[in-house]
Amino acid sequence: MNYFTHSLASVFCSRRRKEVDATHRAIGAGTASSPDGLSRNSNRGRGRPRPDRPVFKCWKTTASAWAMALMLCAGCKPPGKPTTADIELKPEEVRDFAALYQQNCVGCHGQDGKGNSALALANPVYLAIASDDVIRRATASGVRDSLMPAFARSSGGMLTDDQIEILVHEMRARWKAKEALGAPPYAANEPGDPARGAAAYAAFCAGCHGPEGKGTKKGSSIIDDSFLALVSDQSLRTTVIAGRPDLGHPDWRNYVPDRPMTPQEVTDVVAWLVAHRKANAGQPYPGNEQAQKN
């Protein structure tokens, strides 16, 4: 600011000097052309300033320049010098969990991990059965036969390994897992049996989803072609075990009072659901093949 005000004062002083010099020249010219050759002010007392000659007071100009500079600079920062907050981070430089989750996860998993079109990541039962490696692998590589895409750069996504690690670590730290004693394992240890699954479904699920799985007022159809085409076997298993608190769907302990599902019953119910999946999911159905040709 010192350099700026000094320069401003110099400009004002320079202009004032030019005005004074011009006035002096005009006065000199008037004296030389006087008929009697006498100065207009020759009869005035000596030692007193001549009122018709401007008195140069540069200090007033300098003070004015300082006052103007202070008004211009008060309350502002030097232009052209951005702060840290002004600099936009490159996508790979974002390390804030809230920003990463908002940009990549909230659309499907909801605000604060409470669920939306996909399961709630903040579900304590889900966090109890899903290890960090499970969450890391699903985030990095996606889930086959589902709507969950891959986010790792190595798989065609936009996130670095460090950013995925931040998501996994912070999910666990912010959304505490509750102890889920006796919970069936995240992944099945052996194949399920659809016939046994039908009996387990009738006991634990038919009350909300109907005797054939086509839905009731309490719950939607879970044998719908489009639904089964969009969810993986593991997603079905995870929902049966952890439930969907955001949709009022209970977990494996609360389908029947005081009668939690066993790991084998969970596996068999999933096998029964998978048996209803169309072999040509995502393709024209047999009844529409002729319409597709027209």
C-alpha atoms as a PDB file:
ATOM      1  CA  MET A   1       0.000   0.000   0.000  1.00  0.00           C
ATOM      2  CA  ASN A   2       2.958   2.377   0.677  1.00  0.00           C
ATOM      3  CA  TYR A   3       4.128   2.151  -2.928  1.00  0.00           C
ATOM      4  CA  PHE A   4       0.600   2.730  -4.215  1.00  0.00           C
ATOM      5  CA  THR A   5      -0.067   5.807  -2.060  1.00  0.00           C
ATOM      6  CA  HIS A   6       3.386   7.245  -2.770  1.00  0.00           C
ATOM      7  CA  SER A   7       2.750   6.976  -6.497  1.00  0.00           C
ATOM      8  CA  LEU A   8      -0.704   8.483  -6.119  1.00  0.00           C
ATOM      9  CA  ALA A   9       0.686  11.413  -4.140  1.00  0.00           C
ATOM     10  CA  SER A  10       3.383  11.971  -6.761  1.00  0.00           C
ATOM     11  CA  VAL A  11       0.766  12.211  -9.480  1.00  0.00           C
ATOM     12  CA  PHE A  12      -1.264  14.777  -7.523  1.00  0.00           C
ATOM     13  CA  CYS A  13       1.821  16.824  -6.691  1.00  0.00           C
ATOM     14  CA  SER A  14       3.004  16.787 -10.282  1.00  0.00           C
ATOM     15  CA  ARG A  15      -0.338  18.035 -11.521  1.00  0.00           C
ATOM     16  CA  ARG A  16      -0.412  20.768  -8.864  1.00  0.00           C
ATOM     17  CA  ARG A  17       3.066  21.972  -9.830  1.00  0.00           C
ATOM     18  CA  LYS A  18       2.013  22.226 -13.467  1.00  0.00           C
ATOM     19  CA  GLU A  19      -0.985  24.340 -12.474  1.00  0.00           C
ATOM     20  CA  VAL A  20       1.192  26.641 -10.371  1.00  0.00           C
ATOM     21  CA  ASP A  21       3.799  27.016 -13.117  1.00  0.00           C
ATOM     22  CA  ALA A  22       1.100  27.895 -15.647  1.00  0.00           C
ATOM     23  CA  THR A  23      -0.279  30.537 -13.278  1.00  0.00           C
ATOM     24  CA  HIS A  24       3.182  32.028 -12.753  1.00  0.00           C
ATOM     25  CA  ARG A  25       3.756  32.256 -16.484  1.00  0.00           C
ATOM     26  CA  ALA A  26       0.429  34.015 -16.945  1.00  0.00           C
ATOM     27  CA  ILE A  27       1.298  36.536 -14.214  1.00  0.00           C
ATOM     28  CA  GLY A  28       4.717  37.183 -15.725  1.00  0.00           C
ATOM     29  CA  ALA A  29       3.219  37.810 -19.122  1.00  0.00           C
ATOM     30  CA  GLY A  30       0.736  40.289 -17.675  1.00  0.00           C
ATOM     31  CA  THR A  31       3.518  42.291 -15.925  1.00  0.00           C
ATOM     32  CA  ALA A  32       5.702  42.526 -19.015  1.00  0.00           C
ATOM     33  CA  SER A  33       2.854  43.952 -21.123  1.00  0.00           C
ATOM     34  CA  SER A  34       1.785  46.586 -18.547  1.00  0.00           C
ATOM     35  CA  PRO A  35       1.798  50.150 -20.135  1.00  0.00           C
ATOM     36  CA  ASP A  36       3.650  51.736 -17.235  1.00  0.00           C
ATOM     37  CA  GLY A  37       6.100  48.845 -16.899  1.00  0.00           C
ATOM     38  CA  LEU A  38       5.179  48.401 -13.292  1.00  0.00           C
ATOM     39  CA  SER A  39       4.067  45.228 -11.662  1.00  0.00           C
ATOM     40  CA  ARG A  40       0.429  45.011 -10.784  1.00  0.00           C
ATOM     41  CA  ASN A  41       1.412  44.333  -7.220  1.00  0.00           C
ATOM     42  CA  SER A  42       4.335  46.759  -6.920  1.00  0.00           C
ATOM     43  CA  ASN A  43       2.407  49.035  -4.612  1.00  0.00           C
ATOM     44  CA  ARG A  44       1.594  46.306  -2.154  1.00  0.00           C
ATOM     45  CA  GLY A  45       3.431  45.868   1.079  1.00  0.00           C
ATOM     46  CA  ARG A  46       6.492  43.709   1.064  1.00  0.00           C
ATOM     47  CA  GLY A  47       6.691  40.524   3.075  1.00  0.00           C
ATOM     48  CA  ARG A  48       3.064  39.652   2.622  1.00  0.00           C
ATOM     49  CA  PRO A  49       1.993  36.780   0.336  1.00  0.00           C
ATOM     50  CA  ARG A  50       0.389  37.811  -2.885  1.00  0.00           C
ATOM     51  CA  PRO A  51      -3.221  36.735  -2.815  1.00  0.00           C
ATOM     52  CA  ASP A  52      -3.417  36.303  -6.582  1.00  0.00           C
ATOM     53  CA  ARG A  53      -0.479  33.848  -6.710  1.00  0.00           C
ATOM     54  CA  PRO A  54      -1.459  30.297  -5.697  1.00  0.00           C
ATOM     55  CA  VAL A  55       0.462  28.996  -2.711  1.00  0.00           C
ATOM     56  CA  PHE A  56       1.738  25.469  -3.352  1.00  0.00           C
ATOM     57  CA  LYS A  57       0.782  23.229  -0.503  1.00  0.00           C
ATOM     58  CA  CYS A  58       1.810  19.732  -1.568  1.00  0.00           C
ATOM     59  CA  TRP A  59       1.364  18.362   1.921  1.00  0.00           C
ATOM     60  CA  LYS A  60      -2.393  18.826   1.576  1.00  0.00           C
ATOM     61  CA  THR A  61      -2.354  16.930  -1.692  1.00  0.00           C
ATOM     62  CA  THR A  62      -0.295  14.153  -0.119  1.00  0.00           C
ATOM     63  CA  ALA A  63      -2.694  13.912   2.792  1.00  0.00           C
ATOM     64  CA  SER A  64      -5.612  13.686   0.392  1.00  0.00           C
ATOM     65  CA  ALA A  65      -3.837  10.945  -1.519  1.00  0.00           C
ATOM     66  CA  TRP A  66      -3.248   8.991   1.674  1.00  0.00           C
ATOM     67  CA  ALA A  67      -6.885   9.354   2.698  1.00  0.00           C
ATOM     68  CA  MET A  68      -8.069   8.149  -0.721  1.00  0.00           C
ATOM     69  CA  ALA A  69      -5.686   5.196  -0.644  1.00  0.00           C
ATOM     70  CA  LEU A  70      -6.918   4.188   2.807  1.00  0.00           C
ATOM     71  CA  MET A  71     -10.514   4.320   1.640  1.00  0.00           C
ATOM     72  CA  LEU A  72      -9.701   2.199  -1.408  1.00  0.00           C
ATOM     73  CA  CYS A  73      -7.780  -0.409   0.555  1.00  0.00           C
ATOM     74  CA  ALA A  74      -9.909  -0.571   3.701  1.00  0.00           C
ATOM     75  CA  GLY A  75     -11.587  -3.915   4.129  1.00  0.00           C
ATOM     76  CA  CYS A  76     -10.183  -5.518   0.980  1.00  0.00           C
ATOM     77  CA  LYS A  77      -7.374  -7.917   0.216  1.00  0.00           C
ATOM     78  CA  PRO A  78      -4.723  -7.450  -2.455  1.00  0.00           C
ATOM     79  CA  PRO A  79      -6.195  -8.466  -5.821  1.00  0.00           C
ATOM     80  CA  GLY A  80      -4.876 -11.490  -7.689  1.00  0.00           C
ATOM     81  CA  LYS A  81      -3.775 -13.439  -4.604  1.00  0.00           C
ATOM     82  CA  PRO A  82      -6.205 -16.358  -3.996  1.00  0.00           C
ATOM     83  CA  THR A  83      -6.542 -17.990  -0.617  1.00  0.00           C
ATOM     84  CA  THR A  84      -6.477 -21.731  -0.046  1.00  0.00           C
ATOM     85  CA  ALA A  85     -10.279 -21.770  -0.036  1.00  0.00           C
ATOM     86  CA  ASP A  86     -10.365 -20.134  -3.473  1.00  0.00           C
ATOM     87  CA  ILE A  87      -8.331 -22.883  -5.137  1.00  0.00           C
ATOM     88  CA  GLU A  88     -10.489 -25.684  -6.550  1.00  0.00           C
ATOM     89  CA  LEU A  89      -9.074 -29.123  -5.867  1.00  0.00           C
ATOM     90  CA  LYS A  90      -8.489 -31.614  -8.632  1.00  0.00           C
ATOM     91  CA  PRO A  91     -10.780 -34.669  -8.343  1.00  0.00           C
ATOM     92  CA  GLU A  92      -7.911 -36.903  -7.227  1.00  0.00           C
ATOM     93  CA  GLU A  93      -6.929 -34.410  -4.496  1.00  0.00           C
ATOM     94  CA  VAL A  94     -10.254 -34.501  -2.625  1.00  0.00           C
ATOM     95  CA  ARG A  95      -9.721 -36.217   0.712  1.00  0.00           C
ATOM     96  CA  ASP A  96     -12.734 -35.051   2.694  1.00  0.00           C
ATOM     97  CA  PHE A  97     -15.127 -37.913   3.460  1.00  0.00           C
ATOM     98  CA  ALA A  98     -18.249 -35.748   3.288  1.00  0.00           C
ATOM     99  CA  ALA A  99     -17.283 -34.449  -0.153  1.00  0.00           C
ATOM    100  CA  LEU A 100     -16.359 -37.901  -1.473  1.00  0.00           C
ATOM    101  CA  TYR A 101     -19.571 -39.484  -0.175  1.00  0.00           C
ATOM    102  CA  GLN A 102     -21.718 -36.637  -1.514  1.00  0.00           C
ATOM    103  CA  GLN A 103     -20.166 -36.835  -4.970  1.00  0.00           C
ATOM    104  CA  ASN A 104     -20.129 -40.615  -5.361  1.00  0.00           C
ATOM    105  CA  CYS A 105     -22.491 -42.411  -2.966  1.00  0.00           C
ATOM    106  CA  VAL A 106     -25.386 -40.287  -1.762  1.00  0.00           C
ATOM    107  CA  GLY A 107     -27.464 -40.711  -4.920  1.00  0.00           C
ATOM    108  CA  CYS A 108     -28.074 -44.416  -4.214  1.00  0.00           C
ATOM    109  CA  HIS A 109     -27.246 -44.888  -0.532  1.00  0.00           C
ATOM    110  CA  GLY A 110     -28.894 -41.708   0.769  1.00  0.00           C
ATOM    111  CA  GLN A 111     -27.850 -38.872   3.042  1.00  0.00           C
ATOM    112  CA  ASP A 112     -25.726 -40.018   5.980  1.00  0.00           C
ATOM    113  CA  GLY A 113     -25.821 -43.566   4.615  1.00  0.00           C
ATOM    114  CA  LYS A 114     -29.483 -44.020   5.571  1.00  0.00           C
ATOM    115  CA  GLY A 115     -30.492 -45.661   2.308  1.00  0.00           C
ATOM    116  CA  ASN A 116     -32.299 -44.678  -0.855  1.00  0.00           C
ATOM    117  CA  SER A 117     -32.583 -46.849  -3.942  1.00  0.00           C
ATOM    118  CA  ALA A 118     -29.812 -49.024  -2.486  1.00  0.00           C
ATOM    119  CA  LEU A 119     -29.241 -50.419   0.998  1.00  0.00           C
ATOM    120  CA  ALA A 120     -28.324 -48.210   3.943  1.00  0.00           C
ATOM    121  CA  LEU A 121     -24.572 -48.301   4.443  1.00  0.00           C
ATOM    122  CA  ALA A 122     -25.066 -46.953   7.965  1.00  0.00           C
ATOM    123  CA  ASN A 123     -27.199 -50.000   8.866  1.00  0.00           C
ATOM    124  CA  PRO A 124     -25.412 -51.368  11.964  1.00  0.00           C
ATOM    125  CA  VAL A 125     -26.234 -54.967  11.057  1.00  0.00           C
ATOM    126  CA  TYR A 126     -24.754 -54.517   7.593  1.00  0.00           C
ATOM    127  CA  LEU A 127     -21.589 -53.043   9.105  1.00  0.00           C
ATOM    128  CA  ALA A 128     -21.449 -55.982  11.519  1.00  0.00           C
ATOM    129  CA  ILE A 129     -21.499 -58.656   8.803  1.00  0.00           C
ATOM    130  CA  ALA A 130     -19.607 -56.849   6.018  1.00  0.00           C
ATOM    131  CA  SER A 131     -15.860 -56.593   6.551  1.00  0.00           C
ATOM    132  CA  ASP A 132     -13.728 -53.666   5.428  1.00  0.00           C
ATOM    133  CA  ASP A 133     -12.458 -55.816   2.577  1.00  0.00           C
ATOM    134  CA  VAL A 134     -16.027 -56.495   1.414  1.00  0.00           C
ATOM    135  CA  ILE A 135     -16.885 -52.780   1.388  1.00  0.00           C
ATOM    136  CA  ARG A 136     -13.560 -51.899  -0.225  1.00  0.00           C
ATOM    137  CA  ARG A 137     -13.962 -54.479  -2.984  1.00  0.00           C
ATOM    138  CA  ALA A 138     -17.568 -53.462  -3.720  1.00  0.00           C
ATOM    139  CA  THR A 139     -16.570 -49.791  -3.905  1.00  0.00           C
ATOM    140  CA  ALA A 140     -13.524 -50.387  -6.068  1.00  0.00           C
ATOM    141  CA  SER A 141     -14.803 -53.056  -8.447  1.00  0.00           C
ATOM    142  CA  GLY A 142     -18.574 -52.733  -8.220  1.00  0.00           C
ATOM    143  CA  VAL A 143     -21.019 -55.617  -7.829  1.00  0.00           C
ATOM    144  CA  ARG A 144     -21.656 -57.822 -10.826  1.00  0.00           C
ATOM    145  CA  ASP A 145     -25.261 -58.261 -11.977  1.00  0.00           C
ATOM    146  CA  SER A 146     -26.370 -55.187 -10.059  1.00  0.00           C
ATOM    147  CA  LEU A 147     -26.535 -51.406 -10.390  1.00  0.00           C
ATOM    148  CA  MET A 148     -23.437 -50.919  -8.227  1.00  0.00           C
ATOM    149  CA  PRO A 149     -20.681 -49.534 -10.516  1.00  0.00           C
ATOM    150  CA  ALA A 150     -16.923 -49.672 -10.047  1.00  0.00           C
ATOM    151  CA  PHE A 151     -15.359 -46.504  -8.643  1.00  0.00           C
ATOM    152  CA  ALA A 152     -11.638 -47.354  -8.685  1.00  0.00           C
ATOM    153  CA  ARG A 153      -9.540 -45.840 -11.445  1.00  0.00           C
ATOM    154  CA  SER A 154      -8.122 -49.274 -12.148  1.00  0.00           C
ATOM    155  CA  SER A 155     -11.679 -50.401 -12.981  1.00  0.00           C
ATOM    156  CA  GLY A 156     -12.658 -47.369 -15.024  1.00  0.00           C
ATOM    157  CA  GLY A 157     -13.898 -45.192 -12.161  1.00  0.00           C
ATOM    158  CA  MET A 158     -12.732 -41.823 -10.851  1.00  0.00           C
ATOM    159  CA  LEU A 159     -11.479 -42.603  -7.329  1.00  0.00           C
ATOM    160  CA  THR A 160      -7.924 -43.302  -6.258  1.00  0.00           C
ATOM    161  CA  ASP A 161      -7.071 -46.131  -3.873  1.00  0.00           C
ATOM    162  CA  ASP A 162      -6.494 -43.576  -1.095  1.00  0.00           C
ATOM    163  CA  GLN A 163      -9.937 -42.045  -1.619  1.00  0.00           C
ATOM    164  CA  ILE A 164     -11.609 -45.462  -1.462  1.00  0.00           C
ATOM    165  CA  GLU A 165      -9.705 -46.169   1.743  1.00  0.00           C
ATOM    166  CA  ILE A 166     -11.004 -42.888   3.212  1.00  0.00           C
ATOM    167  CA  LEU A 167     -14.584 -43.905   2.382  1.00  0.00           C
ATOM    168  CA  VAL A 168     -14.201 -47.361   3.928  1.00  0.00           C
ATOM    169  CA  HIS A 169     -12.457 -46.108   7.071  1.00  0.00           C
ATOM    170  CA  GLU A 170     -14.843 -43.215   7.702  1.00  0.00           C
ATOM    171  CA  MET A 171     -17.973 -45.304   7.137  1.00  0.00           C
ATOM    172  CA  ARG A 172     -16.801 -47.613   9.877  1.00  0.00           C
ATOM    173  CA  ALA A 173     -15.725 -44.759  12.165  1.00  0.00           C
ATOM    174  CA  ARG A 174     -18.839 -42.590  11.755  1.00  0.00           C
ATOM    175  CA  TRP A 175     -21.513 -45.264  11.532  1.00  0.00           C
ATOM    176  CA  LYS A 176     -20.787 -47.645  14.375  1.00  0.00           C
ATOM    177  CA  ALA A 177     -21.597 -51.304  13.909  1.00  0.00           C
ATOM    178  CA  LYS A 178     -23.655 -52.924  16.644  1.00  0.00           C
ATOM    179  CA  GLU A 179     -22.928 -56.352  17.944  1.00  0.00           C
ATOM    180  CA  ALA A 180     -24.960 -58.893  15.992  1.00  0.00           C
ATOM    181  CA  LEU A 181     -24.479 -62.162  17.818  1.00  0.00           C
ATOM    182  CA  GLY A 182     -25.527 -65.197  15.822  1.00  0.00           C
ATOM    183  CA  ALA A 183     -25.867 -63.293  12.553  1.00  0.00           C
ATOM    184  CA  PRO A 184     -25.574 -65.467   9.446  1.00  0.00           C
ATOM    185  CA  PRO A 185     -22.306 -64.929   7.576  1.00  0.00           C
ATOM    186  CA  TYR A 186     -22.145 -62.275   4.873  1.00  0.00           C
ATOM    187  CA  ALA A 187     -21.524 -64.891   2.146  1.00  0.00           C
ATOM    188  CA  ALA A 188     -23.091 -68.347   1.892  1.00  0.00           C
ATOM    189  CA  ASN A 189     -20.853 -71.272   2.779  1.00  0.00           C
ATOM    190  CA  GLU A 190     -22.803 -73.780   0.673  1.00  0.00           C
ATOM    191  CA  PRO A 191     -25.499 -73.760  -2.045  1.00  0.00           C
ATOM    192  CA  GLY A 192     -29.108 -73.294  -1.046  1.00  0.00           C
ATOM    193  CA  ASP A 193     -32.086 -75.491  -1.809  1.00  0.00           C
ATOM    194  CA  PRO A 194     -35.087 -73.789  -3.503  1.00  0.00           C
ATOM    195  CA  ALA A 195     -37.509 -76.419  -2.186  1.00  0.00           C
ATOM    196  CA  ARG A 196     -36.464 -75.846   1.410  1.00  0.00           C
ATOM    197  CA  GLY A 197     -36.411 -72.123   0.585  1.00  0.00           C
ATOM    198  CA  ALA A 198     -40.112 -72.217  -0.297  1.00  0.00           C
ATOM    199  CA  ALA A 199     -40.918 -73.494   3.187  1.00  0.00           C
ATOM    200  CA  ALA A 200     -38.645 -70.927   4.821  1.00  0.00           C
ATOM    201  CA  TYR A 201     -40.211 -68.183   2.709  1.00  0.00           C
ATOM    202  CA  ALA A 202     -43.699 -69.207   3.805  1.00  0.00           C
ATOM    203  CA  ALA A 203     -42.619 -69.047   7.441  1.00  0.00           C
ATOM    204  CA  PHE A 204     -40.655 -65.807   7.453  1.00  0.00           C
ATOM    205  CA  CYS A 205     -41.586 -63.676   4.426  1.00  0.00           C
ATOM    206  CA  ALA A 206     -45.087 -64.438   3.117  1.00  0.00           C
ATOM    207  CA  GLY A 207     -46.757 -62.277   5.756  1.00  0.00           C
ATOM    208  CA  CYS A 208     -45.557 -59.118   4.003  1.00  0.00           C
ATOM    209  CA  HIS A 209     -44.719 -60.203   0.456  1.00  0.00           C
ATOM    210  CA  GLY A 210     -47.620 -62.599  -0.124  1.00  0.00           C
ATOM    211  CA  PRO A 211     -47.755 -66.406  -0.404  1.00  0.00           C
ATOM    212  CA  GLU A 212     -46.225 -66.334  -3.901  1.00  0.00           C
ATOM    213  CA  GLY A 213     -43.958 -63.336  -3.411  1.00  0.00           C
ATOM    214  CA  LYS A 214     -46.093 -61.051  -5.579  1.00  0.00           C
ATOM    215  CA  GLY A 215     -46.543 -58.458  -2.870  1.00  0.00           C
ATOM    216  CA  THR A 216     -49.230 -57.142  -0.505  1.00  0.00           C
ATOM    217  CA  LYS A 217     -50.078 -53.788   0.993  1.00  0.00           C
ATOM    218  CA  LYS A 218     -47.266 -54.380   3.485  1.00  0.00           C
ATOM    219  CA  GLY A 219     -44.532 -55.256   1.013  1.00  0.00           C
ATOM    220  CA  SER A 220     -43.715 -55.164  -2.687  1.00  0.00           C
ATOM    221  CA  SER A 221     -43.301 -58.061  -5.080  1.00  0.00           C
ATOM    222  CA  ILE A 222     -39.936 -59.762  -4.691  1.00  0.00           C
ATOM    223  CA  ILE A 223     -40.283 -62.074  -7.686  1.00  0.00           C
ATOM    224  CA  ASP A 224     -40.781 -59.203 -10.137  1.00  0.00           C
ATOM    225  CA  ASP A 225     -38.731 -59.800 -13.298  1.00  0.00           C
ATOM    226  CA  SER A 226     -37.236 -56.308 -13.350  1.00  0.00           C
ATOM    227  CA  PHE A 227     -36.372 -56.388  -9.653  1.00  0.00           C
ATOM    228  CA  LEU A 228     -34.593 -59.721  -9.857  1.00  0.00           C
ATOM    229  CA  ALA A 229     -32.757 -58.617 -13.009  1.00  0.00           C
ATOM    230  CA  LEU A 230     -31.285 -55.626 -11.165  1.00  0.00           C
ATOM    231  CA  VAL A 231     -30.113 -57.258  -7.931  1.00  0.00           C
ATOM    232  CA  SER A 232     -27.327 -59.754  -7.367  1.00  0.00           C
ATOM    233  CA  ASP A 233     -27.617 -62.932  -5.318  1.00  0.00           C
ATOM    234  CA  GLN A 234     -25.443 -61.330  -2.639  1.00  0.00           C
ATOM    235  CA  SER A 235     -27.664 -58.257  -2.525  1.00  0.00           C
ATOM    236  CA  LEU A 236     -30.680 -60.496  -1.867  1.00  0.00           C
ATOM    237  CA  ARG A 237     -28.788 -62.284   0.899  1.00  0.00           C
ATOM    238  CA  THR A 238     -27.620 -59.036   2.481  1.00  0.00           C
ATOM    239  CA  THR A 239     -31.188 -57.696   2.528  1.00  0.00           C
ATOM    240  CA  VAL A 240     -32.551 -60.875   4.117  1.00  0.00           C
ATOM    241  CA  ILE A 241     -29.908 -60.716   6.865  1.00  0.00           C
ATOM    242  CA  ALA A 242     -29.537 -56.974   7.502  1.00  0.00           C
ATOM    243  CA  GLY A 243     -33.005 -55.820   6.443  1.00  0.00           C
ATOM    244  CA  ARG A 244     -33.827 -52.353   5.116  1.00  0.00           C
ATOM    245  CA  PRO A 245     -34.539 -50.105   8.118  1.00  0.00           C
ATOM    246  CA  ASP A 246     -35.218 -47.212   5.740  1.00  0.00           C
ATOM    247  CA  LEU A 247     -38.113 -49.209   4.238  1.00  0.00           C
ATOM    248  CA  GLY A 248     -39.358 -50.824   7.438  1.00  0.00           C
ATOM    249  CA  HIS A 249     -37.895 -54.207   6.425  1.00  0.00           C
ATOM    250  CA  PRO A 250     -36.760 -56.219   9.491  1.00  0.00           C
ATOM    251  CA  ASP A 251     -33.476 -58.091   9.834  1.00  0.00           C
ATOM    252  CA  TRP A 252     -33.030 -61.848  10.208  1.00  0.00           C
ATOM    253  CA  ARG A 253     -33.988 -61.753  13.913  1.00  0.00           C
ATOM    254  CA  ASN A 254     -37.374 -60.091  13.612  1.00  0.00           C
ATOM    255  CA  TYR A 255     -39.404 -61.750  10.848  1.00  0.00           C
ATOM    256  CA  VAL A 256     -41.079 -64.002  13.426  1.00  0.00           C
ATOM    257  CA  PRO A 257     -41.108 -63.109  17.134  1.00  0.00           C
ATOM    258  CA  ASP A 258     -38.442 -65.005  19.083  1.00  0.00           C
ATOM    259  CA  ARG A 259     -37.526 -67.042  16.016  1.00  0.00           C
ATOM    260  CA  PRO A 260     -34.447 -65.756  14.153  1.00  0.00           C
ATOM    261  CA  MET A 261     -33.586 -67.300  10.796  1.00  0.00           C
ATOM    262  CA  THR A 262     -30.736 -69.784  10.715  1.00  0.00           C
ATOM    263  CA  PRO A 263     -27.873 -69.339   8.241  1.00  0.00           C
ATOM    264  CA  GLN A 264     -29.188 -72.274   6.207  1.00  0.00           C
ATOM    265  CA  GLU A 265     -32.703 -70.825   6.044  1.00  0.00           C
ATOM    266  CA  VAL A 266     -31.294 -67.551   4.744  1.00  0.00           C
ATOM    267  CA  THR A 267     -29.338 -69.403   2.080  1.00  0.00           C
ATOM    268  CA  ASP A 268     -32.384 -71.435   1.046  1.00  0.00           C
ATOM    269  CA  VAL A 269     -34.698 -68.390   0.809  1.00  0.00           C
ATOM    270  CA  VAL A 270     -32.179 -66.679  -1.462  1.00  0.00           C
ATOM    271  CA  ALA A 271     -32.050 -69.841  -3.609  1.00  0.00           C
ATOM    272  CA  TRP A 272     -35.863 -69.770  -3.869  1.00  0.00           C
ATOM    273  CA  LEU A 273     -35.795 -66.110  -4.985  1.00  0.00           C
ATOM    274  CA  VAL A 274     -33.028 -66.723  -7.513  1.00  0.00           C
ATOM    275  CA  ALA A 275     -35.055 -69.594  -8.981  1.00  0.00           C
ATOM    276  CA  HIS A 276     -37.674 -67.015 -10.042  1.00  0.00           C
ATOM    277  CA  ARG A 277     -35.180 -64.949 -12.008  1.00  0.00           C
ATOM    278  CA  LYS A 278     -35.732 -65.072 -15.766  1.00  0.00           C
ATOM    279  CA  ALA A 279     -32.955 -66.647 -17.789  1.00  0.00           C
ATOM    280  CA  ASN A 280     -33.201 -63.880 -20.377  1.00  0.00           C
ATOM    281  CA  ALA A 281     -33.301 -60.974 -17.965  1.00  0.00           C
ATOM    282  CA  GLY A 282     -32.597 -57.739 -19.759  1.00  0.00           C
ATOM    283  CA  GLN A 283     -33.455 -59.268 -23.134  1.00  0.00           C
ATOM    284  CA  PRO A 284     -36.748 -59.261 -25.085  1.00  0.00           C
ATOM    285  CA  TYR A 285     -39.166 -61.691 -23.480  1.00  0.00           C
ATOM    286  CA  PRO A 286     -40.360 -64.615 -25.656  1.00  0.00           C
ATOM    287  CA  GLY A 287     -43.833 -63.110 -26.031  1.00  0.00           C
ATOM    288  CA  ASN A 288     -42.385 -59.855 -27.354  1.00  0.00           C
ATOM    289  CA  GLU A 289     -39.892 -61.207 -29.864  1.00  0.00           C
ATOM    290  CA  GLN A 290     -42.275 -60.685 -32.788  1.00  0.00           C
ATOM    291  CA  ALA A 291     -42.968 -57.126 -31.624  1.00  0.00           C
ATOM    292  CA  GLN A 292     -39.225 -56.452 -31.556  1.00  0.00           C
ATOM    293  CA  LYS A 293     -38.959 -57.520 -35.219  1.00  0.00           C
ATOM    294  CA  ASN A 294     -41.813 -55.244 -36.385  1.00  0.00           C
END
